[in-house]
């Protein structure tokens, strides 16, 4: 009530100025506490590092975890935190799937929820980490596992994917971005965007490269071949539709799935013997189809099953790195894969939902979008399959190569994970 009275008495300009002052003092206090915490950590023989993860799709830090595990100074632990957006049933299912993912890897992993007791993990009391590693900047979990509970602590942020969408405030200027101790960003362009949009002017940002792409740059890595048809003459195409199937004008409305879901199955039949397609839907697409009035659970499950059973089709719902590396082309309308796929040196096509798509990219996204093929209709998509993929008339290959070399390769002639690790080590000396 007092706050409302004050607002009614003060002009908007004064309120805005007071908010700026309050933020600056809050940031100053947090940074002071963080420096004190770093001083204490630097004196420790063993440093416990907690990685907060809400689902396995956002995990791109195998290299960093391995470097810490092999170093006697660090003790890394994975804490599976709840993804609270889609209800309790789905939350528990996701947490168990995520826990099993890390358990199979042999990682030091714990659940944040105990099914038997119904109690949530008190990280500060039960784990007592010295450093917190975040891979997701959004408030998709319980506040106990978000930045709000760790402002005075040493917190690092590693984006789980390249940020390309035209939503700069939520990408660079949440309280999260301003209050973390340090963020490791993908490129110089991303650092410039942080300097432009963040209230702290991106002063806590360091360029490391993107850890998610280290595997694509590792020449010693041998990917597993998950494709049904092994003959190289049968081209391998990935179809990765986005989850935004709602008929609205939301800023991230990219998906063409409802318009193309039958056409893509027909494409399998039309080019049988020449192509095979891996259906790689966005993880949220299935949930959105379950809720859609014209789909529902039964129809959705039956559709996914069709891809699983087709002789030249397959369903892919897990990790995608090996799939990318052993493919010939990618068809997508999800921006998260745009940049990653460039590392494979293979052609990709973006399915244009409508003209508004061209205004949905940030400064980096606009550059990355230039080196893809585009389709506005079924005929243009067929042209890509016939001429670019089957007949190998890939006219954008050199431009993609230049883009990778100019923008995407991590600095210092190191992997992104190594850059991050070295930075942390230097800070805790």
Protein backbone atom coordinates (compact mmCIF):
# COMPACT_ATOMS: atom_id res chain seq x y z
CA UNK A 1 0.00 0.00 0.00
CA UNK A 2 2.80 2.44 0.91
CA UNK A 3 4.53 1.69 -2.39
CA UNK A 4 1.33 2.52 -4.31
CA UNK A 5 0.91 5.79 -2.40
CA UNK A 6 4.49 6.79 -3.19
CA UNK A 7 3.96 5.97 -6.88
CA UNK A 8 0.85 8.15 -6.98
CA UNK A 9 2.72 11.12 -5.47
CA UNK A 10 5.91 10.98 -7.55
CA UNK A 11 6.20 11.70 -11.30
CA UNK A 12 7.18 8.79 -13.56
CA UNK A 13 10.57 10.31 -14.34
CA UNK A 14 11.43 10.44 -10.64
CA UNK A 15 10.32 6.85 -10.10
CA UNK A 16 12.44 5.76 -13.04
CA UNK A 17 15.47 7.60 -11.68
CA UNK A 18 15.00 6.04 -8.25
CA UNK A 19 14.83 2.58 -9.83
CA UNK A 20 18.13 3.22 -11.61
CA UNK A 21 19.76 4.35 -8.36
CA UNK A 22 18.37 1.34 -6.51
CA UNK A 23 19.70 -1.02 -9.18
CA UNK A 24 23.17 0.54 -9.09
CA UNK A 25 23.41 0.24 -5.32
CA UNK A 26 22.08 -3.33 -5.42
CA UNK A 27 24.62 -4.28 -8.11
CA UNK A 28 27.43 -2.59 -6.17
CA UNK A 29 26.51 -4.50 -3.01
CA UNK A 30 26.28 -7.84 -4.85
CA UNK A 31 29.65 -7.35 -6.54
CA UNK A 32 31.26 -6.50 -3.20
CA UNK A 33 29.88 -9.69 -1.64
CA UNK A 34 30.96 -11.73 -4.66
CA UNK A 35 34.52 -10.41 -4.42
CA UNK A 36 34.58 -11.38 -0.77
CA UNK A 37 33.32 -14.87 -1.69
CA UNK A 38 35.99 -15.22 -4.39
CA UNK A 39 38.68 -14.26 -1.89
CA UNK A 40 37.54 -17.07 0.44
CA UNK A 41 37.37 -19.59 -2.40
CA UNK A 42 40.89 -18.79 -3.57
CA UNK A 43 42.22 -19.92 -0.20
CA UNK A 44 40.57 -23.35 -0.39
CA UNK A 45 42.41 -26.51 -1.37
CA UNK A 46 39.22 -28.10 -2.75
CA UNK A 47 36.54 -26.14 -4.62
CA UNK A 48 33.08 -27.63 -5.00
CA UNK A 49 31.36 -26.64 -8.27
CA UNK A 50 27.62 -27.25 -8.66
CA UNK A 51 26.12 -27.37 -12.16
CA UNK A 52 22.37 -26.59 -12.07
CA UNK A 53 20.56 -28.44 -14.89
CA UNK A 54 16.81 -28.56 -15.65
CA UNK A 55 17.02 -30.98 -18.60
CA UNK A 56 19.67 -32.86 -20.52
CA UNK A 57 19.09 -30.85 -23.71
CA UNK A 58 20.68 -27.81 -22.06
CA UNK A 59 23.84 -29.71 -21.07
CA UNK A 60 26.80 -28.81 -23.30
CA UNK A 61 29.60 -28.88 -20.76
CA UNK A 62 31.04 -32.39 -20.86
CA UNK A 63 34.43 -30.93 -21.63
CA UNK A 64 34.32 -28.50 -18.71
CA UNK A 65 33.09 -31.15 -16.28
CA UNK A 66 35.87 -33.49 -17.41
CA UNK A 67 38.54 -30.80 -16.97
CA UNK A 68 37.32 -30.10 -13.44
CA UNK A 69 37.05 -33.78 -12.57
CA UNK A 70 40.66 -34.39 -13.63
CA UNK A 71 41.95 -31.39 -11.67
CA UNK A 72 42.66 -32.06 -7.98
CA UNK A 73 41.52 -28.53 -7.06
CA UNK A 74 37.91 -29.02 -8.21
CA UNK A 75 35.04 -31.26 -7.18
CA UNK A 76 32.17 -30.96 -9.72
CA UNK A 77 28.62 -32.11 -9.02
CA UNK A 78 25.48 -32.07 -11.18
CA UNK A 79 22.28 -30.98 -9.43
CA UNK A 80 19.10 -31.86 -11.32
CA UNK A 81 16.65 -29.03 -10.66
CA UNK A 82 12.93 -28.94 -11.49
CA UNK A 83 11.53 -27.62 -14.76
CA UNK A 84 8.31 -26.19 -13.33
CA UNK A 85 6.65 -24.77 -16.45
CA UNK A 86 4.66 -27.83 -17.60
CA UNK A 87 3.11 -29.14 -14.40
CA UNK A 88 4.15 -31.53 -11.65
CA UNK A 89 3.79 -34.81 -13.57
CA UNK A 90 6.00 -33.66 -16.40
CA UNK A 91 8.42 -32.03 -13.95
CA UNK A 92 9.04 -35.30 -12.12
CA UNK A 93 9.38 -37.20 -15.40
CA UNK A 94 11.91 -34.71 -16.76
CA UNK A 95 13.91 -34.74 -13.55
CA UNK A 96 14.17 -38.52 -13.57
CA UNK A 97 15.15 -38.57 -17.25
CA UNK A 98 17.78 -35.90 -16.61
CA UNK A 99 19.16 -37.73 -13.56
CA UNK A 100 19.46 -40.99 -15.52
CA UNK A 101 21.22 -39.17 -18.36
CA UNK A 102 24.05 -38.08 -16.05
CA UNK A 103 24.04 -41.29 -14.02
CA UNK A 104 24.70 -43.30 -17.21
CA UNK A 105 27.64 -41.03 -17.92
CA UNK A 106 29.08 -41.86 -14.53
CA UNK A 107 28.88 -38.27 -13.33
CA UNK A 108 28.52 -37.16 -9.73
CA UNK A 109 24.81 -36.31 -9.88
CA UNK A 110 22.09 -35.73 -7.29
CA UNK A 111 18.34 -35.13 -7.45
CA UNK A 112 16.98 -31.93 -5.97
CA UNK A 113 13.77 -33.75 -5.01
CA UNK A 114 13.43 -36.82 -2.78
CA UNK A 115 10.35 -38.80 -3.84
CA UNK A 116 10.30 -40.85 -0.66
CA UNK A 117 10.29 -37.93 1.77
CA UNK A 118 8.77 -35.30 -0.54
CA UNK A 119 11.55 -32.92 0.48
CA UNK A 120 13.57 -30.59 -1.71
CA UNK A 121 17.34 -30.37 -1.54
CA UNK A 122 18.73 -27.41 0.38
CA UNK A 123 21.77 -26.75 -1.77
CA UNK A 124 23.44 -24.25 0.54
CA UNK A 125 23.05 -26.53 3.56
CA UNK A 126 23.37 -30.02 2.06
CA UNK A 127 25.85 -29.45 -0.81
CA UNK A 128 27.61 -26.23 0.25
CA UNK A 129 28.99 -25.38 -3.21
CA UNK A 130 31.65 -22.74 -3.67
CA UNK A 131 30.69 -22.04 -7.27
CA UNK A 132 27.36 -22.28 -9.09
CA UNK A 133 27.24 -22.93 -12.85
CA UNK A 134 24.01 -21.96 -14.64
CA UNK A 135 23.17 -23.03 -18.19
CA UNK A 136 19.73 -21.41 -18.42
CA UNK A 137 19.04 -17.74 -17.60
CA UNK A 138 15.26 -17.97 -17.25
CA UNK A 139 13.10 -18.45 -14.15
CA UNK A 140 11.89 -21.91 -15.20
CA UNK A 141 12.66 -23.58 -11.90
CA UNK A 142 12.02 -23.11 -8.19
CA UNK A 143 13.45 -19.86 -6.80
CA UNK A 144 15.67 -21.91 -4.49
CA UNK A 145 17.64 -23.01 -7.58
CA UNK A 146 17.71 -19.67 -9.37
CA UNK A 147 19.97 -16.63 -9.18
CA UNK A 148 17.71 -15.03 -6.54
CA UNK A 149 19.06 -17.47 -3.97
CA UNK A 150 22.73 -17.06 -4.94
CA UNK A 151 23.29 -13.36 -5.63
CA UNK A 152 26.26 -12.94 -3.24
CA UNK A 153 27.88 -16.18 -4.46
CA UNK A 154 30.27 -16.86 -7.33
CA UNK A 155 27.93 -17.71 -10.19
CA UNK A 156 28.83 -18.38 -13.80
CA UNK A 157 26.53 -18.59 -16.80
CA UNK A 158 27.17 -20.64 -19.96
CA UNK A 159 24.44 -20.29 -22.63
CA UNK A 160 23.20 -23.70 -23.77
CA UNK A 161 22.73 -22.46 -27.33
CA UNK A 162 23.55 -19.54 -29.59
CA UNK A 163 21.26 -16.57 -28.91
CA UNK A 164 19.81 -15.45 -32.23
CA UNK A 165 16.24 -14.28 -31.52
CA UNK A 166 15.13 -10.66 -31.46
CA UNK A 167 14.42 -10.68 -27.71
CA UNK A 168 17.49 -8.86 -26.50
CA UNK A 169 16.08 -7.76 -23.14
CA UNK A 170 15.39 -11.33 -22.04
CA UNK A 171 18.63 -12.56 -23.60
CA UNK A 172 20.97 -9.96 -22.08
CA UNK A 173 19.21 -7.79 -19.51
CA UNK A 174 17.36 -9.90 -16.98
CA UNK A 175 18.37 -9.48 -13.34
CA UNK A 176 20.06 -12.84 -13.90
CA UNK A 177 22.44 -11.47 -16.55
CA UNK A 178 23.27 -8.41 -14.46
CA UNK A 179 23.79 -10.18 -11.13
CA UNK A 180 25.85 -13.24 -12.11
CA UNK A 181 29.55 -13.00 -11.38
CA UNK A 182 30.51 -13.79 -14.97
CA UNK A 183 28.89 -14.90 -18.22
CA UNK A 184 30.81 -16.79 -20.90
CA UNK A 185 29.41 -15.68 -24.25
CA UNK A 186 29.69 -17.17 -27.70
CA UNK A 187 31.14 -14.42 -29.90
CA UNK A 188 32.34 -10.81 -29.94
CA UNK A 189 28.93 -9.88 -31.38
CA UNK A 190 27.20 -11.32 -28.30
CA UNK A 191 29.50 -9.37 -26.01
CA UNK A 192 28.68 -6.18 -27.92
CA UNK A 193 24.97 -6.90 -27.51
CA UNK A 194 25.48 -7.34 -23.77
CA UNK A 195 27.30 -4.00 -23.64
CA UNK A 196 24.41 -2.40 -25.53
CA UNK A 197 21.39 -3.94 -23.77
CA UNK A 198 22.45 -4.94 -20.25
CA UNK A 199 22.08 -2.41 -17.44
CA UNK A 200 25.57 -3.31 -16.23
CA UNK A 201 26.91 -2.67 -19.76
CA UNK A 202 28.13 -6.25 -20.08
CA UNK A 203 31.02 -5.68 -17.68
CA UNK A 204 30.75 -9.26 -16.38
CA UNK A 205 30.98 -10.86 -19.84
CA UNK A 206 33.90 -12.81 -21.30
CA UNK A 207 34.13 -14.32 -24.79
CA UNK A 208 34.83 -18.04 -24.62
CA UNK A 209 33.19 -19.50 -27.70
CA UNK A 210 30.22 -21.87 -27.43
CA UNK A 211 30.88 -25.16 -25.57
CA UNK A 212 28.07 -26.82 -27.51
CA UNK A 213 30.23 -26.69 -30.63
CA UNK A 214 33.45 -28.09 -29.20
CA UNK A 215 32.45 -31.57 -30.28
CA UNK A 216 32.10 -30.41 -33.90
CA UNK A 217 35.61 -28.96 -33.84
CA UNK A 218 37.19 -32.03 -32.25
CA UNK A 219 38.89 -33.80 -35.15
CA UNK A 220 39.54 -36.90 -33.05
CA UNK A 221 35.84 -37.43 -32.30
CA UNK A 222 34.19 -40.34 -34.13
CA UNK A 223 30.39 -40.02 -34.24
CA UNK A 224 28.05 -43.00 -33.97
CA UNK A 225 25.98 -43.78 -37.05
CA UNK A 226 22.31 -43.95 -35.97
CA UNK A 227 20.81 -43.88 -39.46
CA UNK A 228 18.64 -46.80 -40.59
CA UNK A 229 19.99 -46.97 -44.13
CA UNK A 230 23.77 -47.21 -44.28
CA UNK A 231 24.24 -46.78 -48.05
CA UNK A 232 25.92 -43.41 -48.63
CA UNK A 233 23.99 -42.94 -51.87
CA UNK A 234 20.80 -42.51 -49.83
CA UNK A 235 21.03 -38.93 -48.60
CA UNK A 236 20.46 -38.28 -44.90
CA UNK A 237 18.20 -35.32 -44.13
CA UNK A 238 17.18 -34.09 -40.67
CA UNK A 239 13.82 -32.36 -40.23
CA UNK A 240 13.78 -30.28 -37.02
CA UNK A 241 10.43 -28.47 -36.54
CA UNK A 242 9.96 -25.86 -33.82
CA UNK A 243 7.30 -26.07 -31.09
CA UNK A 244 5.53 -22.73 -31.70
CA UNK A 245 2.48 -24.15 -33.46
CA UNK A 246 0.00 -21.65 -31.97
CA UNK A 247 -1.68 -19.36 -34.48
CA UNK A 248 -0.60 -16.06 -32.99
CA UNK A 249 1.85 -13.24 -33.43
CA UNK A 250 4.23 -14.11 -30.61
CA UNK A 251 7.80 -13.05 -31.18
CA UNK A 252 9.11 -16.63 -31.38
CA UNK A 253 6.42 -18.04 -33.70
CA UNK A 254 8.53 -19.98 -36.21
CA UNK A 255 6.92 -23.40 -36.63
CA UNK A 256 5.55 -24.74 -39.93
CA UNK A 257 4.70 -28.13 -38.46
CA UNK A 258 0.90 -27.95 -38.80
CA UNK A 259 1.21 -27.02 -42.49
CA UNK A 260 3.92 -29.53 -43.39
CA UNK A 261 3.50 -32.58 -41.18
CA UNK A 262 1.78 -34.67 -43.89
CA UNK A 263 3.88 -33.28 -46.71
CA UNK A 264 7.10 -34.43 -45.03
CA UNK A 265 5.76 -38.00 -44.86
CA UNK A 266 4.86 -37.80 -48.55
CA UNK A 267 8.39 -36.62 -49.27
CA UNK A 268 9.67 -39.86 -47.76
CA UNK A 269 7.58 -41.86 -50.23
CA UNK A 270 8.28 -39.65 -53.22
CA UNK A 271 12.06 -39.97 -52.86
CA UNK A 272 12.29 -43.48 -51.47
CA UNK A 273 15.66 -44.95 -52.41
CA UNK A 274 17.18 -41.47 -52.69
CA UNK A 275 16.68 -39.96 -49.25
CA UNK A 276 15.96 -40.84 -45.64
CA UNK A 277 14.67 -38.33 -43.09
CA UNK A 278 15.21 -38.19 -39.35
CA UNK A 279 12.33 -36.45 -37.58
CA UNK A 280 14.01 -34.39 -34.83
CA UNK A 281 11.23 -32.35 -33.19
CA UNK A 282 11.79 -29.68 -30.58
CA UNK A 283 11.32 -31.32 -27.13
CA UNK A 284 8.32 -29.07 -26.37
CA UNK A 285 6.49 -29.80 -29.65
CA UNK A 286 4.97 -33.04 -28.36
CA UNK A 287 3.55 -31.32 -25.28
CA UNK A 288 2.06 -28.55 -27.39
CA UNK A 289 0.48 -31.10 -29.73
CA UNK A 290 -0.99 -32.95 -26.75
CA UNK A 291 -2.78 -29.72 -25.80
CA UNK A 292 -3.80 -28.74 -29.34
CA UNK A 293 -7.58 -29.07 -29.99
CA UNK A 294 -7.03 -30.82 -33.35
CA UNK A 295 -4.34 -33.20 -32.11
CA UNK A 296 -4.23 -34.54 -28.57
CA UNK A 297 -2.17 -37.38 -27.12
CA UNK A 298 -3.44 -40.24 -29.32
CA UNK A 299 -2.99 -38.49 -32.67
CA UNK A 300 0.40 -37.11 -31.63
CA UNK A 301 1.75 -40.47 -30.48
CA UNK A 302 0.48 -42.12 -33.68
CA UNK A 303 2.21 -39.48 -35.82
CA UNK A 304 5.53 -39.87 -33.99
CA UNK A 305 5.18 -43.65 -34.38
CA UNK A 306 4.86 -43.28 -38.16
CA UNK A 307 8.32 -41.77 -38.30
CA UNK A 308 9.69 -44.51 -36.12
CA UNK A 309 8.29 -47.24 -38.38
CA UNK A 310 8.95 -45.89 -41.88
CA UNK A 311 11.77 -47.78 -43.63
CA UNK A 312 13.47 -44.55 -44.71
CA UNK A 313 12.32 -42.47 -41.75
CA UNK A 314 13.25 -42.40 -38.08
CA UNK A 315 12.34 -40.60 -34.86
CA UNK A 316 15.10 -38.83 -32.94
CA UNK A 317 14.25 -37.36 -29.52
CA UNK A 318 17.59 -37.49 -27.72
CA UNK A 319 21.00 -35.86 -28.34
CA UNK A 320 21.74 -34.70 -31.84
CA UNK A 321 25.50 -34.18 -32.23
CA UNK A 322 26.18 -37.57 -33.84
CA UNK A 323 23.06 -37.18 -35.98
CA UNK A 324 24.34 -33.84 -37.26
CA UNK A 325 27.83 -35.10 -38.00
CA UNK A 326 26.60 -38.12 -39.98
CA UNK A 327 23.90 -36.26 -41.94
CA UNK A 328 23.88 -34.65 -45.38
CA UNK A 329 21.45 -31.78 -44.81
CA UNK A 330 19.12 -30.11 -42.32
CA UNK A 331 15.60 -28.74 -42.81
CA UNK A 332 14.45 -26.60 -39.89
CA UNK A 333 12.34 -23.73 -38.63
CA UNK A 334 13.90 -23.66 -35.17
CA UNK A 335 16.61 -21.05 -34.76
CA UNK A 336 18.50 -22.97 -32.09
CA UNK A 337 20.14 -25.25 -34.69
CA UNK A 338 21.00 -22.60 -37.28
CA UNK A 339 24.51 -21.82 -36.08
CA UNK A 340 25.39 -25.24 -34.74
CA UNK A 341 24.79 -26.96 -38.04
CA UNK A 342 27.24 -24.67 -39.86
CA UNK A 343 30.04 -26.56 -38.12
CA UNK A 344 29.15 -29.71 -40.09
CA UNK A 345 29.88 -27.93 -43.40
CA UNK A 346 26.59 -29.32 -44.76
CA UNK A 347 23.72 -27.32 -46.36
CA UNK A 348 20.64 -26.33 -44.37
CA UNK A 349 17.27 -24.90 -45.31
CA UNK A 350 15.03 -22.68 -43.17
CA UNK A 351 11.29 -23.02 -43.76
CA UNK A 352 9.80 -19.51 -43.78
CA UNK A 353 6.46 -19.37 -41.96
CA UNK A 354 5.69 -15.79 -43.04
CA UNK A 355 7.50 -12.55 -43.82
CA UNK A 356 7.70 -11.60 -40.15
CA UNK A 357 10.42 -14.25 -39.72
CA UNK A 358 12.97 -11.86 -41.22
CA UNK A 359 12.49 -9.44 -38.32
CA UNK A 360 12.74 -12.06 -35.56
CA UNK A 361 16.54 -12.13 -35.32
CA UNK A 362 18.98 -10.15 -33.20
CA UNK A 363 22.18 -8.66 -34.60
CA UNK A 364 24.02 -11.97 -34.61
CA UNK A 365 21.00 -13.89 -35.90
CA UNK A 366 20.68 -11.60 -38.90
CA UNK A 367 24.24 -12.43 -39.92
CA UNK A 368 23.87 -16.18 -39.34
CA UNK A 369 20.59 -16.30 -41.28
CA UNK A 370 22.29 -15.11 -44.47
CA UNK A 371 24.06 -18.37 -45.26
CA UNK A 372 21.09 -20.74 -45.29
CA UNK A 373 18.79 -21.76 -48.07
CA UNK A 374 15.15 -20.68 -47.58
CA UNK A 375 11.80 -22.09 -48.65
CA UNK A 376 8.48 -20.24 -48.71
CA UNK A 377 6.45 -23.13 -50.12
CA UNK A 378 6.56 -26.86 -50.89
CA UNK A 379 8.10 -26.43 -54.35
CA UNK A 380 11.08 -24.52 -52.95
CA UNK A 381 11.59 -27.21 -50.34
CA UNK A 382 11.50 -29.90 -53.04
CA UNK A 383 14.02 -27.89 -55.06
CA UNK A 384 16.38 -27.94 -52.06
CA UNK A 385 16.04 -31.72 -51.70
CA UNK A 386 16.55 -32.41 -55.42
CA UNK A 387 19.18 -29.88 -56.45
CA UNK A 388 21.11 -29.03 -53.29
CA UNK A 389 21.05 -32.36 -51.43
CA UNK A 390 20.67 -35.13 -54.01
CA UNK A 391 22.52 -33.43 -56.87
CA UNK A 392 25.03 -31.63 -54.59
CA UNK A 393 24.65 -28.14 -56.09
CA UNK A 394 25.57 -26.42 -52.83
CA UNK A 395 26.37 -22.83 -53.84
CA UNK A 396 26.65 -21.44 -50.30
CA UNK A 397 29.36 -23.76 -48.99
CA UNK A 398 32.23 -21.24 -49.19
CA UNK A 399 30.17 -18.49 -47.55
CA UNK A 400 29.28 -20.80 -44.67
CA UNK A 401 32.94 -21.72 -44.24
CA UNK A 402 33.93 -18.06 -44.06
CA UNK A 403 31.20 -17.41 -41.49
CA UNK A 404 32.47 -20.22 -39.26
CA UNK A 405 36.06 -19.02 -39.47
CA UNK A 406 35.19 -15.35 -38.95
CA UNK A 407 32.56 -15.56 -36.22
CA UNK A 408 32.25 -18.96 -34.60
CA UNK A 409 35.60 -20.47 -33.75
CA UNK A 410 36.53 -20.01 -30.06
CA UNK A 411 39.33 -17.55 -29.24
CA UNK A 412 42.87 -18.36 -28.08
CA UNK A 413 43.11 -21.42 -30.36
CA UNK A 414 41.43 -23.43 -27.61
CA UNK A 415 38.10 -25.13 -27.17
CA UNK A 416 35.34 -23.10 -25.53
CA UNK A 417 35.32 -25.45 -22.54
CA UNK A 418 39.07 -24.98 -22.11
CA UNK A 419 38.69 -21.20 -22.29
CA UNK A 420 36.04 -21.29 -19.55
CA UNK A 421 38.09 -23.63 -17.37
CA UNK A 422 41.23 -21.51 -17.72
CA UNK A 423 39.30 -18.38 -16.81
CA UNK A 424 37.89 -19.96 -13.64
CA UNK A 425 41.29 -21.33 -12.64
CA UNK A 426 42.88 -17.89 -13.01
CA UNK A 427 40.20 -16.36 -10.82
CA UNK A 428 40.58 -18.79 -7.93
CA UNK A 429 44.39 -18.77 -7.78
